[in-house]
PDB file of all heavy atoms in Angstrom:
ATOM      1  N   ILE A   1       0.839  -1.203   0.000  1.00  0.00           N
ATOM      2  CA  ILE A   1       0.000   0.000   0.000  1.00  0.00           C
ATOM      3  C   ILE A   1       0.871   1.250   0.000  1.00  0.00           C
ATOM      4  O   ILE A   1       1.916   1.305   0.658  1.00  0.00           O
ATOM      5  CB  ILE A   1      -0.907   0.034   1.239  1.00  0.00           C
ATOM      6  CG1 ILE A   1      -1.796  -1.224   1.292  1.00  0.00           C
ATOM      7  CG2 ILE A   1      -1.754   1.301   1.244  1.00  0.00           C
ATOM      8  CD1 ILE A   1      -2.778  -1.341   0.166  1.00  0.00           C
ATOM      9  N   GLY A   2       0.424   2.238  -0.737  1.00  0.00           N
ATOM     10  CA  GLY A   2       1.119   3.520  -0.756  1.00  0.00           C
ATOM     11  C   GLY A   2       0.140   4.673  -0.612  1.00  0.00           C
ATOM     12  O   GLY A   2      -1.041   4.559  -0.953  1.00  0.00           O
ATOM     13  N   TRP A   3       0.637   5.768  -0.083  1.00  0.00           N
ATOM     14  CA  TRP A   3      -0.073   7.048  -0.082  1.00  0.00           C
ATOM     15  C   TRP A   3       0.689   7.989  -1.016  1.00  0.00           C
ATOM     16  O   TRP A   3       1.922   8.076  -0.944  1.00  0.00           O
ATOM     17  CB  TRP A   3      -0.135   7.662   1.308  1.00  0.00           C
ATOM     18  CG  TRP A   3      -1.150   7.061   2.231  1.00  0.00           C
ATOM     19  CD1 TRP A   3      -0.931   6.129   3.208  1.00  0.00           C
ATOM     20  CD2 TRP A   3      -2.540   7.364   2.295  1.00  0.00           C
ATOM     21  NE1 TRP A   3      -2.096   5.833   3.863  1.00  0.00           N
ATOM     22  CE2 TRP A   3      -3.103   6.583   3.320  1.00  0.00           C
ATOM     23  CE3 TRP A   3      -3.390   8.235   1.588  1.00  0.00           C
ATOM     24  CZ2 TRP A   3      -4.461   6.617   3.662  1.00  0.00           C
ATOM     25  CZ3 TRP A   3      -4.731   8.276   1.921  1.00  0.00           C
ATOM     26  CH2 TRP A   3      -5.260   7.479   2.941  1.00  0.00           C
ATOM     27  N   PHE A   4      -0.071   8.676  -1.842  1.00  0.00           N
ATOM     28  CA  PHE A   4       0.482   9.656  -2.763  1.00  0.00           C
ATOM     29  C   PHE A   4      -0.336  10.931  -2.636  1.00  0.00           C
ATOM     30  O   PHE A   4      -1.431  10.925  -2.078  1.00  0.00           O
ATOM     31  CB  PHE A   4       0.428   9.126  -4.197  1.00  0.00           C
ATOM     32  CG  PHE A   4       1.272   7.902  -4.414  1.00  0.00           C
ATOM     33  CD1 PHE A   4       0.784   6.641  -4.092  1.00  0.00           C
ATOM     34  CD2 PHE A   4       2.551   8.005  -4.927  1.00  0.00           C
ATOM     35  CE1 PHE A   4       1.563   5.506  -4.266  1.00  0.00           C
ATOM     36  CE2 PHE A   4       3.337   6.881  -5.109  1.00  0.00           C
ATOM     37  CZ  PHE A   4       2.840   5.628  -4.780  1.00  0.00           C
ATOM     38  N   ARG A   5       0.203  12.017  -3.159  1.00  0.00           N
ATOM     39  CA  ARG A   5      -0.560  13.269  -3.145  1.00  0.00           C
ATOM     40  C   ARG A   5      -0.297  14.041  -4.428  1.00  0.00           C
ATOM     41  O   ARG A   5       0.738  13.872  -5.088  1.00  0.00           O
ATOM     42  CB  ARG A   5      -0.190  14.104  -1.924  1.00  0.00           C
ATOM     43  CG  ARG A   5       1.236  14.630  -1.907  1.00  0.00           C
ATOM     44  CD  ARG A   5       1.528  15.302  -0.561  1.00  0.00           C
ATOM     45  NE  ARG A   5       2.878  15.856  -0.523  1.00  0.00           N
ATOM     46  CZ  ARG A   5       3.418  16.381   0.569  1.00  0.00           C
ATOM     47  NH1 ARG A   5       2.721  16.434   1.711  1.00  0.00           N
ATOM     48  NH2 ARG A   5       4.648  16.866   0.519  1.00  0.00           N
ATOM     49  N   GLN A   6      -1.269  14.879  -4.738  1.00  0.00           N
ATOM     50  CA  GLN A   6      -1.145  15.712  -5.931  1.00  0.00           C
ATOM     51  C   GLN A   6      -1.677  17.098  -5.619  1.00  0.00           C
ATOM     52  O   GLN A   6      -2.865  17.272  -5.346  1.00  0.00           O
ATOM     53  CB  GLN A   6      -1.896  15.097  -7.114  1.00  0.00           C
ATOM     54  CG  GLN A   6      -1.649  15.811  -8.416  1.00  0.00           C
ATOM     55  CD  GLN A   6      -2.137  15.018  -9.615  1.00  0.00           C
ATOM     56  OE1 GLN A   6      -2.933  14.074  -9.488  1.00  0.00           O
ATOM     57  NE2 GLN A   6      -1.653  15.364 -10.793  1.00  0.00           N
ATOM     58  N   ALA A   7      -0.769  18.052  -5.646  1.00  0.00           N
ATOM     59  CA  ALA A   7      -1.161  19.448  -5.461  1.00  0.00           C
ATOM     60  C   ALA A   7      -1.581  20.031  -6.812  1.00  0.00           C
ATOM     61  O   ALA A   7      -1.182  19.533  -7.867  1.00  0.00           O
ATOM     62  CB  ALA A   7       0.000  20.239  -4.875  1.00  0.00           C
ATOM     63  N   LEU A   8      -2.363  21.071  -6.748  1.00  0.00           N
ATOM     64  CA  LEU A   8      -2.878  21.694  -7.967  1.00  0.00           C
ATOM     65  C   LEU A   8      -1.723  22.120  -8.868  1.00  0.00           C
ATOM     66  O   LEU A   8      -0.817  22.836  -8.445  1.00  0.00           O
ATOM     67  CB  LEU A   8      -3.744  22.903  -7.604  1.00  0.00           C
ATOM     68  CG  LEU A   8      -4.573  23.511  -8.720  1.00  0.00           C
ATOM     69  CD1 LEU A   8      -5.606  22.494  -9.210  1.00  0.00           C
ATOM     70  CD2 LEU A   8      -5.272  24.779  -8.247  1.00  0.00           C
ATOM     71  N   GLY A   9      -1.753  21.648 -10.113  1.00  0.00           N
ATOM     72  CA  GLY A   9      -0.726  22.007 -11.073  1.00  0.00           C
ATOM     73  C   GLY A   9       0.542  21.195 -10.993  1.00  0.00           C
ATOM     74  O   GLY A   9       1.471  21.402 -11.779  1.00  0.00           O
ATOM     75  N   ASN A  10       0.591  20.264 -10.041  1.00  0.00           N
ATOM     76  CA  ASN A  10       1.791  19.433  -9.867  1.00  0.00           C
ATOM     77  C   ASN A  10       1.508  17.986 -10.247  1.00  0.00           C
ATOM     78  O   ASN A  10       0.365  17.555 -10.341  1.00  0.00           O
ATOM     79  CB  ASN A  10       2.260  19.479  -8.420  1.00  0.00           C
ATOM     80  CG  ASN A  10       2.854  20.817  -8.038  1.00  0.00           C
ATOM     81  OD1 ASN A  10       2.923  21.734  -8.859  1.00  0.00           O
ATOM     82  ND2 ASN A  10       3.260  20.938  -6.797  1.00  0.00           N
ATOM     83  N   GLU A  11       2.593  17.247 -10.443  1.00  0.00           N
ATOM     84  CA  GLU A  11       2.459  15.815 -10.677  1.00  0.00           C
ATOM     85  C   GLU A  11       2.196  15.097  -9.359  1.00  0.00           C
ATOM     86  O   GLU A  11       2.485  15.605  -8.279  1.00  0.00           O
ATOM     87  CB  GLU A  11       3.742  15.280 -11.321  1.00  0.00           C
ATOM     88  CG  GLU A  11       3.987  15.793 -12.717  1.00  0.00           C
ATOM     89  CD  GLU A  11       5.188  15.136 -13.376  1.00  0.00           C
ATOM     90  OE1 GLU A  11       5.882  14.361 -12.710  1.00  0.00           O
ATOM     91  OE2 GLU A  11       5.423  15.392 -14.566  1.00  0.00           O
ATOM     92  N   ARG A  12       1.663  13.902  -9.485  1.00  0.00           N
ATOM     93  CA  ARG A  12       1.418  13.082  -8.304  1.00  0.00           C
ATOM     94  C   ARG A  12       2.757  12.687  -7.697  1.00  0.00           C
ATOM     95  O   ARG A  12       3.677  12.281  -8.417  1.00  0.00           O
ATOM     96  CB  ARG A  12       0.616  11.840  -8.685  1.00  0.00           C
ATOM     97  CG  ARG A  12       0.069  11.074  -7.511  1.00  0.00           C
ATOM     98  CD  ARG A  12      -0.983  10.074  -7.964  1.00  0.00           C
ATOM     99  NE  ARG A  12      -2.147  10.736  -8.544  1.00  0.00           N
ATOM    100  CZ  ARG A  12      -3.256  10.102  -8.894  1.00  0.00           C
ATOM    101  NH1 ARG A  12      -3.357   8.792  -8.725  1.00  0.00           N
ATOM    102  NH2 ARG A  12      -4.260  10.757  -9.421  1.00  0.00           N
ATOM    103  N   GLU A  13       2.872  12.801  -6.385  1.00  0.00           N
ATOM    104  CA  GLU A  13       4.132  12.483  -5.732  1.00  0.00           C
ATOM    105  C   GLU A  13       3.930  11.488  -4.590  1.00  0.00           C
ATOM    106  O   GLU A  13       2.871  11.435  -3.962  1.00  0.00           O
ATOM    107  CB  GLU A  13       4.815  13.750  -5.194  1.00  0.00           C
ATOM    108  CG  GLU A  13       4.089  14.445  -4.072  1.00  0.00           C
ATOM    109  CD  GLU A  13       4.887  15.586  -3.467  1.00  0.00           C
ATOM    110  OE1 GLU A  13       6.028  15.827  -3.890  1.00  0.00           O
ATOM    111  OE2 GLU A  13       4.367  16.238  -2.541  1.00  0.00           O
ATOM    112  N   PHE A  14       4.975  10.750  -4.343  1.00  0.00           N
ATOM    113  CA  PHE A  14       4.984   9.740  -3.301  1.00  0.00           C
ATOM    114  C   PHE A  14       5.005  10.379  -1.922  1.00  0.00           C
ATOM    115  O   PHE A  14       5.681  11.391  -1.705  1.00  0.00           O
ATOM    116  CB  PHE A  14       6.218   8.851  -3.485  1.00  0.00           C
ATOM    117  CG  PHE A  14       6.554   8.000  -2.298  1.00  0.00           C
ATOM    118  CD1 PHE A  14       5.760   6.923  -1.970  1.00  0.00           C
ATOM    119  CD2 PHE A  14       7.657   8.293  -1.526  1.00  0.00           C
ATOM    120  CE1 PHE A  14       6.067   6.135  -0.871  1.00  0.00           C
ATOM    121  CE2 PHE A  14       7.983   7.519  -0.430  1.00  0.00           C
ATOM    122  CZ  PHE A  14       7.189   6.435  -0.100  1.00  0.00           C
ATOM    123  N   VAL A  15       4.261   9.776  -0.979  1.00  0.00           N
ATOM    124  CA  VAL A  15       4.241  10.237   0.407  1.00  0.00           C
ATOM    125  C   VAL A  15       4.790   9.153   1.346  1.00  0.00           C
ATOM    126  O   VAL A  15       5.737   9.381   2.088  1.00  0.00           O
ATOM    127  CB  VAL A  15       2.820  10.631   0.842  1.00  0.00           C
ATOM    128  CG1 VAL A  15       2.790  11.002   2.318  1.00  0.00           C
ATOM    129  CG2 VAL A  15       2.296  11.775  -0.012  1.00  0.00           C
ATOM    130  N   ALA A  16       4.178   7.979   1.300  1.00  0.00           N
ATOM    131  CA  ALA A  16       4.579   6.904   2.229  1.00  0.00           C
ATOM    132  C   ALA A  16       4.098   5.578   1.677  1.00  0.00           C
ATOM    133  O   ALA A  16       3.129   5.519   0.906  1.00  0.00           O
ATOM    134  CB  ALA A  16       3.989   7.145   3.608  1.00  0.00           C
ATOM    135  N   THR A  17       4.778   4.497   2.079  1.00  0.00           N
ATOM    136  CA  THR A  17       4.383   3.165   1.651  1.00  0.00           C
ATOM    137  C   THR A  17       4.643   2.163   2.766  1.00  0.00           C
ATOM    138  O   THR A  17       5.553   2.335   3.578  1.00  0.00           O
ATOM    139  CB  THR A  17       5.130   2.753   0.369  1.00  0.00           C
ATOM    140  OG1 THR A  17       4.769   1.420   0.003  1.00  0.00           O
ATOM    141  CG2 THR A  17       6.639   2.818   0.557  1.00  0.00           C
ATOM    142  N   THR A  18       3.813   1.129   2.797  1.00  0.00           N
ATOM    143  CA  THR A  18       3.976   0.065   3.780  1.00  0.00           C
ATOM    144  C   THR A  18       3.947  -1.282   3.080  1.00  0.00           C
ATOM    145  O   THR A  18       3.195  -1.491   2.130  1.00  0.00           O
ATOM    146  CB  THR A  18       2.893   0.147   4.867  1.00  0.00           C
ATOM    147  OG1 THR A  18       3.006  -0.977   5.746  1.00  0.00           O
ATOM    148  CG2 THR A  18       1.493   0.166   4.287  1.00  0.00           C
ATOM    149  N   SER A  19       4.751  -2.191   3.580  1.00  0.00           N
ATOM    150  CA  SER A  19       4.793  -3.532   3.018  1.00  0.00           C
ATOM    151  C   SER A  19       3.524  -4.302   3.383  1.00  0.00           C
ATOM    152  O   SER A  19       2.690  -3.835   4.152  1.00  0.00           O
ATOM    153  CB  SER A  19       6.019  -4.281   3.539  1.00  0.00           C
ATOM    154  OG  SER A  19       5.952  -4.415   4.956  1.00  0.00           O
ATOM    155  N   LYS A  20       3.414  -5.498   2.833  1.00  0.00           N
ATOM    156  CA  LYS A  20       2.209  -6.300   3.009  1.00  0.00           C
ATOM    157  C   LYS A  20       1.914  -6.580   4.472  1.00  0.00           C
ATOM    158  O   LYS A  20       0.757  -6.571   4.909  1.00  0.00           O
ATOM    159  CB  LYS A  20       2.354  -7.602   2.223  1.00  0.00           C
ATOM    160  CG  LYS A  20       2.486  -7.359   0.734  1.00  0.00           C
ATOM    161  CD  LYS A  20       2.796  -8.639  -0.029  1.00  0.00           C
ATOM    162  CE  LYS A  20       2.984  -8.343  -1.509  1.00  0.00           C
ATOM    163  NZ  LYS A  20       3.270  -9.560  -2.296  1.00  0.00           N
ATOM    164  N   SER A  21       2.938  -6.827   5.246  1.00  0.00           N
ATOM    165  CA  SER A  21       2.758  -7.130   6.662  1.00  0.00           C
ATOM    166  C   SER A  21       2.758  -5.880   7.534  1.00  0.00           C
ATOM    167  O   SER A  21       2.368  -5.932   8.697  1.00  0.00           O
ATOM    168  CB  SER A  21       3.880  -8.050   7.141  1.00  0.00           C
ATOM    169  OG  SER A  21       5.116  -7.348   7.133  1.00  0.00           O
ATOM    170  N   GLY A  22       3.205  -4.752   6.952  1.00  0.00           N
ATOM    171  CA  GLY A  22       3.364  -3.534   7.733  1.00  0.00           C
ATOM    172  C   GLY A  22       4.725  -3.446   8.404  1.00  0.00           C
ATOM    173  O   GLY A  22       5.019  -2.468   9.082  1.00  0.00           O
ATOM    174  N   GLY A  23       5.567  -4.440   8.173  1.00  0.00           N
ATOM    175  CA  GLY A  23       6.864  -4.473   8.843  1.00  0.00           C
ATOM    176  C   GLY A  23       7.909  -3.557   8.236  1.00  0.00           C
ATOM    177  O   GLY A  23       8.891  -3.208   8.894  1.00  0.00           O
ATOM    178  N   THR A  24       7.705  -3.176   6.988  1.00  0.00           N
ATOM    179  CA  THR A  24       8.632  -2.266   6.308  1.00  0.00           C
ATOM    180  C   THR A  24       7.865  -1.030   5.862  1.00  0.00           C
ATOM    181  O   THR A  24       6.799  -1.136   5.255  1.00  0.00           O
ATOM    182  CB  THR A  24       9.275  -2.936   5.091  1.00  0.00           C
ATOM    183  OG1 THR A  24       9.965  -4.114   5.504  1.00  0.00           O
ATOM    184  CG2 THR A  24      10.257  -1.981   4.417  1.00  0.00           C
ATOM    185  N   ILE A  25       8.414   0.112   6.181  1.00  0.00           N
ATOM    186  CA  ILE A  25       7.770   1.387   5.889  1.00  0.00           C
ATOM    187  C   ILE A  25       8.815   2.328   5.306  1.00  0.00           C
ATOM    188  O   ILE A  25       9.986   2.289   5.697  1.00  0.00           O
ATOM    189  CB  ILE A  25       7.155   1.985   7.174  1.00  0.00           C
ATOM    190  CG1 ILE A  25       5.909   1.178   7.582  1.00  0.00           C
ATOM    191  CG2 ILE A  25       6.798   3.449   6.987  1.00  0.00           C
ATOM    192  CD1 ILE A  25       5.352   1.552   8.924  1.00  0.00           C
ATOM    193  N   TYR A  26       8.364   3.160   4.386  1.00  0.00           N
ATOM    194  CA  TYR A  26       9.279   4.115   3.755  1.00  0.00           C
ATOM    195  C   TYR A  26       8.532   5.412   3.518  1.00  0.00           C
ATOM    196  O   TYR A  26       7.361   5.394   3.127  1.00  0.00           O
ATOM    197  CB  TYR A  26       9.800   3.531   2.440  1.00  0.00           C
ATOM    198  CG  TYR A  26      10.768   4.416   1.694  1.00  0.00           C
ATOM    199  CD1 TYR A  26      12.002   4.738   2.234  1.00  0.00           C
ATOM    200  CD2 TYR A  26      10.445   4.924   0.444  1.00  0.00           C
ATOM    201  CE1 TYR A  26      12.886   5.550   1.552  1.00  0.00           C
ATOM    202  CE2 TYR A  26      11.317   5.730  -0.248  1.00  0.00           C
ATOM    203  CZ  TYR A  26      12.538   6.042   0.300  1.00  0.00           C
ATOM    204  OH  TYR A  26      13.411   6.840  -0.380  1.00  0.00           O
ATOM    205  N   TYR A  27       9.222   6.532   3.768  1.00  0.00           N
ATOM    206  CA  TYR A  27       8.599   7.849   3.639  1.00  0.00           C
ATOM    207  C   TYR A  27       9.373   8.725   2.663  1.00  0.00           C
ATOM    208  O   TYR A  27      10.591   8.609   2.518  1.00  0.00           O
ATOM    209  CB  TYR A  27       8.568   8.568   4.993  1.00  0.00           C
ATOM    210  CG  TYR A  27       7.746   7.893   6.049  1.00  0.00           C
ATOM    211  CD1 TYR A  27       8.338   7.073   7.003  1.00  0.00           C
ATOM    212  CD2 TYR A  27       6.369   8.083   6.111  1.00  0.00           C
ATOM    213  CE1 TYR A  27       7.590   6.451   7.985  1.00  0.00           C
ATOM    214  CE2 TYR A  27       5.601   7.460   7.090  1.00  0.00           C
ATOM    215  CZ  TYR A  27       6.231   6.646   8.020  1.00  0.00           C
ATOM    216  OH  TYR A  27       5.472   6.036   8.995  1.00  0.00           O
ATOM    217  N   ALA A  28       8.652   9.655   2.060  1.00  0.00           N
ATOM    218  CA  ALA A  28       9.305  10.715   1.319  1.00  0.00           C
ATOM    219  C   ALA A  28      10.044  11.609   2.307  1.00  0.00           C
ATOM    220  O   ALA A  28       9.616  11.787   3.451  1.00  0.00           O
ATOM    221  CB  ALA A  28       8.275  11.525   0.545  1.00  0.00           C
ATOM    222  N   ASP A  29      11.141  12.178   1.847  1.00  0.00           N
ATOM    223  CA  ASP A  29      11.937  13.043   2.725  1.00  0.00           C
ATOM    224  C   ASP A  29      11.106  14.206   3.260  1.00  0.00           C
ATOM    225  O   ASP A  29      11.302  14.651   4.397  1.00  0.00           O
ATOM    226  CB  ASP A  29      13.151  13.585   1.961  1.00  0.00           C
ATOM    227  CG  ASP A  29      14.191  12.516   1.684  1.00  0.00           C
ATOM    228  OD1 ASP A  29      14.133  11.450   2.336  1.00  0.00           O
ATOM    229  OD2 ASP A  29      15.055  12.750   0.825  1.00  0.00           O
ATOM    230  N   SER A  30      10.177  14.684   2.452  1.00  0.00           N
ATOM    231  CA  SER A  30       9.403  15.868   2.820  1.00  0.00           C
ATOM    232  C   SER A  30       8.445  15.625   3.982  1.00  0.00           C
ATOM    233  O   SER A  30       7.973  16.581   4.605  1.00  0.00           O
ATOM    234  CB  SER A  30       8.613  16.369   1.608  1.00  0.00           C
ATOM    235  OG  SER A  30       7.761  15.346   1.121  1.00  0.00           O
ATOM    236  N   VAL A  31       8.134  14.356   4.278  1.00  0.00           N
ATOM    237  CA  VAL A  31       7.170  14.073   5.343  1.00  0.00           C
ATOM    238  C   VAL A  31       7.762  13.233   6.464  1.00  0.00           C
ATOM    239  O   VAL A  31       7.115  13.042   7.501  1.00  0.00           O
ATOM    240  CB  VAL A  31       5.916  13.365   4.790  1.00  0.00           C
ATOM    241  CG1 VAL A  31       5.307  14.157   3.638  1.00  0.00           C
ATOM    242  CG2 VAL A  31       6.218  11.937   4.362  1.00  0.00           C
ATOM    243  N   ARG A  32       8.961  12.729   6.272  1.00  0.00           N
ATOM    244  CA  ARG A  32       9.565  11.857   7.284  1.00  0.00           C
ATOM    245  C   ARG A  32       9.691  12.604   8.611  1.00  0.00           C
ATOM    246  O   ARG A  32      10.154  13.729   8.668  1.00  0.00           O
ATOM    247  CB  ARG A  32      10.928  11.359   6.812  1.00  0.00           C
ATOM    248  CG  ARG A  32      11.558  10.314   7.739  1.00  0.00           C
ATOM    249  CD  ARG A  32      12.843   9.758   7.157  1.00  0.00           C
ATOM    250  NE  ARG A  32      12.598   8.958   5.967  1.00  0.00           N
ATOM    251  CZ  ARG A  32      13.039   9.283   4.747  1.00  0.00           C
ATOM    252  NH1 ARG A  32      13.741  10.386   4.578  1.00  0.00           N
ATOM    253  NH2 ARG A  32      12.781   8.511   3.716  1.00  0.00           N
ATOM    254  N   GLY A  33       9.262  11.940   9.681  1.00  0.00           N
ATOM    255  CA  GLY A  33       9.294  12.555  11.009  1.00  0.00           C
ATOM    256  C   GLY A  33       8.006  13.288  11.354  1.00  0.00           C
ATOM    257  O   GLY A  33       7.799  13.628  12.532  1.00  0.00           O
ATOM    258  N   ARG A  34       7.152  13.518  10.365  1.00  0.00           N
ATOM    259  CA  ARG A  34       5.878  14.207  10.616  1.00  0.00           C
ATOM    260  C   ARG A  34       4.674  13.302  10.337  1.00  0.00           C
ATOM    261  O   ARG A  34       3.634  13.437  10.982  1.00  0.00           O
ATOM    262  CB  ARG A  34       5.776  15.467   9.757  1.00  0.00           C
ATOM    263  CG  ARG A  34       6.866  16.478   9.997  1.00  0.00           C
ATOM    264  CD  ARG A  34       6.598  17.780   9.231  1.00  0.00           C
ATOM    265  NE  ARG A  34       6.567  17.584   7.779  1.00  0.00           N
ATOM    266  CZ  ARG A  34       5.515  17.861   7.013  1.00  0.00           C
ATOM    267  NH1 ARG A  34       4.392  18.332   7.553  1.00  0.00           N
ATOM    268  NH2 ARG A  34       5.580  17.670   5.697  1.00  0.00           N
ATOM    269  N   PHE A  35       4.810  12.432   9.346  1.00  0.00           N
ATOM    270  CA  PHE A  35       3.713  11.541   8.955  1.00  0.00           C
ATOM    271  C   PHE A  35       4.028  10.116   9.399  1.00  0.00           C
ATOM    272  O   PHE A  35       5.193   9.705   9.440  1.00  0.00           O
ATOM    273  CB  PHE A  35       3.532  11.542   7.446  1.00  0.00           C
ATOM    274  CG  PHE A  35       2.977  12.830   6.872  1.00  0.00           C
ATOM    275  CD1 PHE A  35       2.881  13.988   7.613  1.00  0.00           C
ATOM    276  CD2 PHE A  35       2.537  12.855   5.551  1.00  0.00           C
ATOM    277  CE1 PHE A  35       2.368  15.153   7.076  1.00  0.00           C
ATOM    278  CE2 PHE A  35       2.019  14.013   4.989  1.00  0.00           C
ATOM    279  CZ  PHE A  35       1.957  15.166   5.758  1.00  0.00           C
ATOM    280  N   THR A  36       2.968   9.369   9.701  1.00  0.00           N
ATOM    281  CA  THR A  36       3.112   7.966  10.082  1.00  0.00           C
ATOM    282  C   THR A  36       2.087   7.124   9.337  1.00  0.00           C
ATOM    283  O   THR A  36       0.884   7.384   9.453  1.00  0.00           O
ATOM    284  CB  THR A  36       2.913   7.776  11.593  1.00  0.00           C
ATOM    285  OG1 THR A  36       3.829   8.613  12.309  1.00  0.00           O
ATOM    286  CG2 THR A  36       3.135   6.321  11.985  1.00  0.00           C
ATOM    287  N   ILE A  37       2.575   6.151   8.592  1.00  0.00           N
ATOM    288  CA  ILE A  37       1.689   5.220   7.889  1.00  0.00           C
ATOM    289  C   ILE A  37       1.553   3.947   8.722  1.00  0.00           C
ATOM    290  O   ILE A  37       2.519   3.492   9.348  1.00  0.00           O
ATOM    291  CB  ILE A  37       2.212   4.897   6.469  1.00  0.00           C
ATOM    292  CG1 ILE A  37       1.194   4.070   5.689  1.00  0.00           C
ATOM    293  CG2 ILE A  37       3.563   4.212   6.523  1.00  0.00           C
ATOM    294  CD1 ILE A  37       1.572   3.867   4.215  1.00  0.00           C
ATOM    295  N   SER A  38       0.358   3.391   8.739  1.00  0.00           N
ATOM    296  CA  SER A  38       0.134   2.138   9.443  1.00  0.00           C
ATOM    297  C   SER A  38      -0.989   1.381   8.745  1.00  0.00           C
ATOM    298  O   SER A  38      -1.739   1.961   7.972  1.00  0.00           O
ATOM    299  CB  SER A  38      -0.218   2.380  10.913  1.00  0.00           C
ATOM    300  OG  SER A  38      -1.401   3.137  11.022  1.00  0.00           O
ATOM    301  N   ARG A  39      -1.080   0.093   9.034  1.00  0.00           N
ATOM    302  CA  ARG A  39      -2.143  -0.701   8.442  1.00  0.00           C
ATOM    303  C   ARG A  39      -2.655  -1.715   9.449  1.00  0.00           C
ATOM    304  O   ARG A  39      -1.918  -2.160  10.340  1.00  0.00           O
ATOM    305  CB  ARG A  39      -1.666  -1.406   7.161  1.00  0.00           C
ATOM    306  CG  ARG A  39      -0.629  -2.483   7.356  1.00  0.00           C
ATOM    307  CD  ARG A  39      -0.090  -2.967   6.009  1.00  0.00           C
ATOM    308  NE  ARG A  39      -1.109  -3.638   5.211  1.00  0.00           N
ATOM    309  CZ  ARG A  39      -0.963  -3.922   3.905  1.00  0.00           C
ATOM    310  NH1 ARG A  39       0.146  -3.570   3.268  1.00  0.00           N
ATOM    311  NH2 ARG A  39      -1.922  -4.542   3.247  1.00  0.00           N
ATOM    312  N   ASP A  40      -3.933  -2.061   9.278  1.00  0.00           N
ATOM    313  CA  ASP A  40      -4.572  -3.080  10.096  1.00  0.00           C
ATOM    314  C   ASP A  40      -5.159  -4.091   9.129  1.00  0.00           C
ATOM    315  O   ASP A  40      -6.251  -3.874   8.584  1.00  0.00           O
ATOM    316  CB  ASP A  40      -5.644  -2.447  10.980  1.00  0.00           C
ATOM    317  CG  ASP A  40      -6.273  -3.437  11.948  1.00  0.00           C
ATOM    318  OD1 ASP A  40      -6.184  -4.655  11.705  1.00  0.00           O
ATOM    319  OD2 ASP A  40      -6.871  -2.999  12.926  1.00  0.00           O
ATOM    320  N   ASN A  41      -4.436  -5.166   8.895  1.00  0.00           N
ATOM    321  CA  ASN A  41      -4.884  -6.139   7.898  1.00  0.00           C
ATOM    322  C   ASN A  41      -6.161  -6.864   8.319  1.00  0.00           C
ATOM    323  O   ASN A  41      -6.929  -7.309   7.472  1.00  0.00           O
ATOM    324  CB  ASN A  41      -3.777  -7.141   7.625  1.00  0.00           C
ATOM    325  CG  ASN A  41      -2.662  -6.544   6.772  1.00  0.00           C
ATOM    326  OD1 ASN A  41      -2.868  -5.543   6.094  1.00  0.00           O
ATOM    327  ND2 ASN A  41      -1.485  -7.143   6.818  1.00  0.00           N
TER     328      ASN A  41
END
């Protein structure tokens, strides 16, 4: 699963992603430390 965002006039950009189990997570530099992705399978 991934979260992406698109601001007006901009291309869609990556925000955060989580692996199938939720054990691996990766963030865009612009949101790291401020955003938290999680999943409840």
